Amino acid sequence: MVNTSSAQGAQFAEACEAMTRTVRELGPSPLKGKHSAVSGQPSAKAAETELEAVS
């Protein structure tokens, strides 16, 4: 978390760049497409794939 005032634009930009680098280094989420992060339910894509397999 970064707390900056409106006068600290350069520090805010630096913090954003650092966060972007970190996220890119982490790579794609290993959970993407498996379950919704919010509800814990299968994602729409996973449910659609499962439905197609049953049909």
N, C-alpha and C. Protein backbone atom coordinates (compact mmCIF):
# COMPACT_ATOMS: atom_id res chain seq x y z
N MET A 1 0.85 -1.16 0.00
CA MET A 1 0.00 0.00 0.00
C MET A 1 0.90 1.23 0.00
N VAL A 2 0.49 2.19 -0.77
CA VAL A 2 1.28 3.42 -0.90
C VAL A 2 0.39 4.60 -0.56
N ASN A 3 0.87 5.45 0.30
CA ASN A 3 0.13 6.65 0.66
C ASN A 3 0.94 7.85 0.19
N THR A 4 0.39 8.56 -0.80
CA THR A 4 1.08 9.74 -1.31
C THR A 4 0.10 10.90 -1.39
N SER A 5 0.63 12.10 -1.31
CA SER A 5 -0.21 13.29 -1.47
C SER A 5 -0.19 13.70 -2.93
N SER A 6 -1.00 14.68 -3.27
CA SER A 6 -1.07 15.14 -4.66
C SER A 6 0.24 15.77 -5.11
N ALA A 7 1.08 16.17 -4.19
CA ALA A 7 2.37 16.78 -4.53
C ALA A 7 3.46 15.74 -4.78
N GLN A 8 3.14 14.47 -4.60
CA GLN A 8 4.15 13.42 -4.72
C GLN A 8 3.91 12.57 -5.97
N GLY A 9 3.70 13.21 -7.09
CA GLY A 9 3.43 12.50 -8.34
C GLY A 9 4.55 11.56 -8.75
N ALA A 10 5.78 11.99 -8.59
CA ALA A 10 6.92 11.15 -8.98
C ALA A 10 7.00 9.89 -8.13
N GLN A 11 6.77 10.03 -6.83
CA GLN A 11 6.80 8.86 -5.95
C GLN A 11 5.65 7.90 -6.27
N PHE A 12 4.49 8.46 -6.61
CA PHE A 12 3.35 7.62 -6.96
C PHE A 12 3.65 6.84 -8.24
N ALA A 13 4.21 7.51 -9.23
CA ALA A 13 4.56 6.84 -10.48
C ALA A 13 5.59 5.74 -10.24
N GLU A 14 6.56 6.00 -9.39
CA GLU A 14 7.57 5.00 -9.07
C GLU A 14 6.95 3.78 -8.39
N ALA A 15 6.02 4.02 -7.47
CA ALA A 15 5.34 2.92 -6.78
C ALA A 15 4.50 2.10 -7.77
N CYS A 16 3.85 2.77 -8.72
CA CYS A 16 3.06 2.06 -9.74
C CYS A 16 3.95 1.20 -10.61
N GLU A 17 5.09 1.74 -11.01
CA GLU A 17 6.03 0.98 -11.84
C GLU A 17 6.56 -0.24 -11.09
N ALA A 18 6.87 -0.07 -9.80
CA ALA A 18 7.36 -1.19 -9.00
C ALA A 18 6.29 -2.28 -8.87
N MET A 19 5.04 -1.87 -8.67
CA MET A 19 3.96 -2.85 -8.56
C MET A 19 3.77 -3.58 -9.89
N THR A 20 3.84 -2.86 -10.99
CA THR A 20 3.69 -3.47 -12.31
C THR A 20 4.79 -4.48 -12.56
N ARG A 21 6.03 -4.13 -12.21
CA ARG A 21 7.15 -5.08 -12.37
C ARG A 21 6.91 -6.34 -11.55
N THR A 22 6.46 -6.17 -10.31
CA THR A 22 6.22 -7.32 -9.44
C THR A 22 5.14 -8.23 -10.01
N VAL A 23 4.05 -7.66 -10.49
CA VAL A 23 2.96 -8.46 -11.05
C VAL A 23 3.43 -9.20 -12.30
N ARG A 24 4.19 -8.53 -13.15
CA ARG A 24 4.70 -9.19 -14.36
C ARG A 24 5.66 -10.32 -14.01
N GLU A 25 6.48 -10.13 -12.99
CA GLU A 25 7.41 -11.18 -12.57
C GLU A 25 6.66 -12.40 -12.03
N LEU A 26 5.54 -12.16 -11.37
CA LEU A 26 4.75 -13.27 -10.84
C LEU A 26 4.09 -14.08 -11.94
N GLY A 27 3.79 -13.44 -13.06
CA GLY A 27 3.19 -14.15 -14.19
C GLY A 27 1.70 -14.36 -14.00
N PRO A 28 1.12 -15.17 -14.88
CA PRO A 28 -0.31 -15.41 -14.83
C PRO A 28 -0.74 -16.11 -13.54
N SER A 29 -1.96 -15.85 -13.15
CA SER A 29 -2.49 -16.47 -11.95
C SER A 29 -2.66 -17.97 -12.17
N PRO A 30 -2.20 -18.79 -11.24
CA PRO A 30 -2.41 -20.23 -11.39
C PRO A 30 -3.88 -20.61 -11.20
N LEU A 31 -4.67 -19.71 -10.68
CA LEU A 31 -6.09 -19.99 -10.45
C LEU A 31 -6.97 -19.49 -11.58
N LYS A 32 -6.42 -18.75 -12.51
CA LYS A 32 -7.21 -18.14 -13.58
C LYS A 32 -7.96 -19.21 -14.37
N GLY A 33 -9.26 -19.01 -14.48
CA GLY A 33 -10.08 -19.92 -15.26
C GLY A 33 -10.59 -21.11 -14.50
N LYS A 34 -10.17 -21.29 -13.25
CA LYS A 34 -10.63 -22.44 -12.48
C LYS A 34 -11.81 -22.09 -11.60
N HIS A 35 -11.67 -21.05 -10.79
CA HIS A 35 -12.72 -20.63 -9.89
C HIS A 35 -12.73 -19.12 -9.79
N SER A 36 -13.90 -18.58 -9.52
CA SER A 36 -14.01 -17.14 -9.33
C SER A 36 -13.33 -16.77 -8.02
N ALA A 37 -12.52 -15.73 -8.05
CA ALA A 37 -11.83 -15.29 -6.84
C ALA A 37 -12.81 -14.71 -5.83
N VAL A 38 -13.94 -14.22 -6.32
CA VAL A 38 -14.90 -13.57 -5.43
C VAL A 38 -15.83 -14.59 -4.78
N SER A 39 -16.45 -15.45 -5.58
CA SER A 39 -17.47 -16.34 -5.04
C SER A 39 -16.96 -17.73 -4.71
N GLY A 40 -15.82 -18.11 -5.28
CA GLY A 40 -15.33 -19.46 -5.06
C GLY A 40 -16.01 -20.48 -5.95
N GLN A 41 -16.95 -20.03 -6.77
CA GLN A 41 -17.66 -20.91 -7.69
C GLN A 41 -16.85 -21.07 -8.97
N PRO A 42 -17.10 -22.15 -9.71
CA PRO A 42 -16.40 -22.30 -10.98
C PRO A 42 -16.66 -21.11 -11.89
N SER A 43 -15.65 -20.72 -12.65
CA SER A 43 -15.80 -19.59 -13.56
C SER A 43 -16.76 -19.96 -14.67
N ALA A 44 -17.25 -18.97 -15.39
CA ALA A 44 -18.18 -19.20 -16.49
C ALA A 44 -17.54 -20.09 -17.55
N LYS A 45 -16.27 -19.88 -17.84
CA LYS A 45 -15.58 -20.68 -18.85
C LYS A 45 -15.46 -22.13 -18.39
N ALA A 46 -15.10 -22.34 -17.15
CA ALA A 46 -14.99 -23.71 -16.63
C ALA A 46 -16.35 -24.40 -16.64
N ALA A 47 -17.40 -23.67 -16.28
CA ALA A 47 -18.75 -24.25 -16.28
C ALA A 47 -19.18 -24.59 -17.69
N GLU A 48 -18.86 -23.73 -18.65
CA GLU A 48 -19.23 -23.97 -20.05
C GLU A 48 -18.51 -25.20 -20.57
N THR A 49 -17.23 -25.34 -20.28
CA THR A 49 -16.46 -26.49 -20.70
C THR A 49 -17.03 -27.78 -20.10
N GLU A 50 -17.39 -27.71 -18.84
CA GLU A 50 -17.96 -28.88 -18.16
C GLU A 50 -19.30 -29.25 -18.78
N LEU A 51 -20.11 -28.26 -19.11
CA LEU A 51 -21.41 -28.49 -19.72
C LEU A 51 -21.23 -29.15 -21.09
N GLU A 52 -20.27 -28.69 -21.87
CA GLU A 52 -20.01 -29.26 -23.18
C GLU A 52 -19.57 -30.72 -23.06
N ALA A 53 -18.81 -31.03 -22.03
CA ALA A 53 -18.34 -32.40 -21.83
C ALA A 53 -19.50 -33.34 -21.50
N VAL A 54 -20.51 -32.83 -20.81
CA VAL A 54 -21.65 -33.65 -20.42
C VAL A 54 -22.59 -33.86 -21.60
N SER A 55 -22.70 -32.86 -22.47
CA SER A 55 -23.64 -32.92 -23.61
C SER A 55 -23.21 -33.88 -24.67
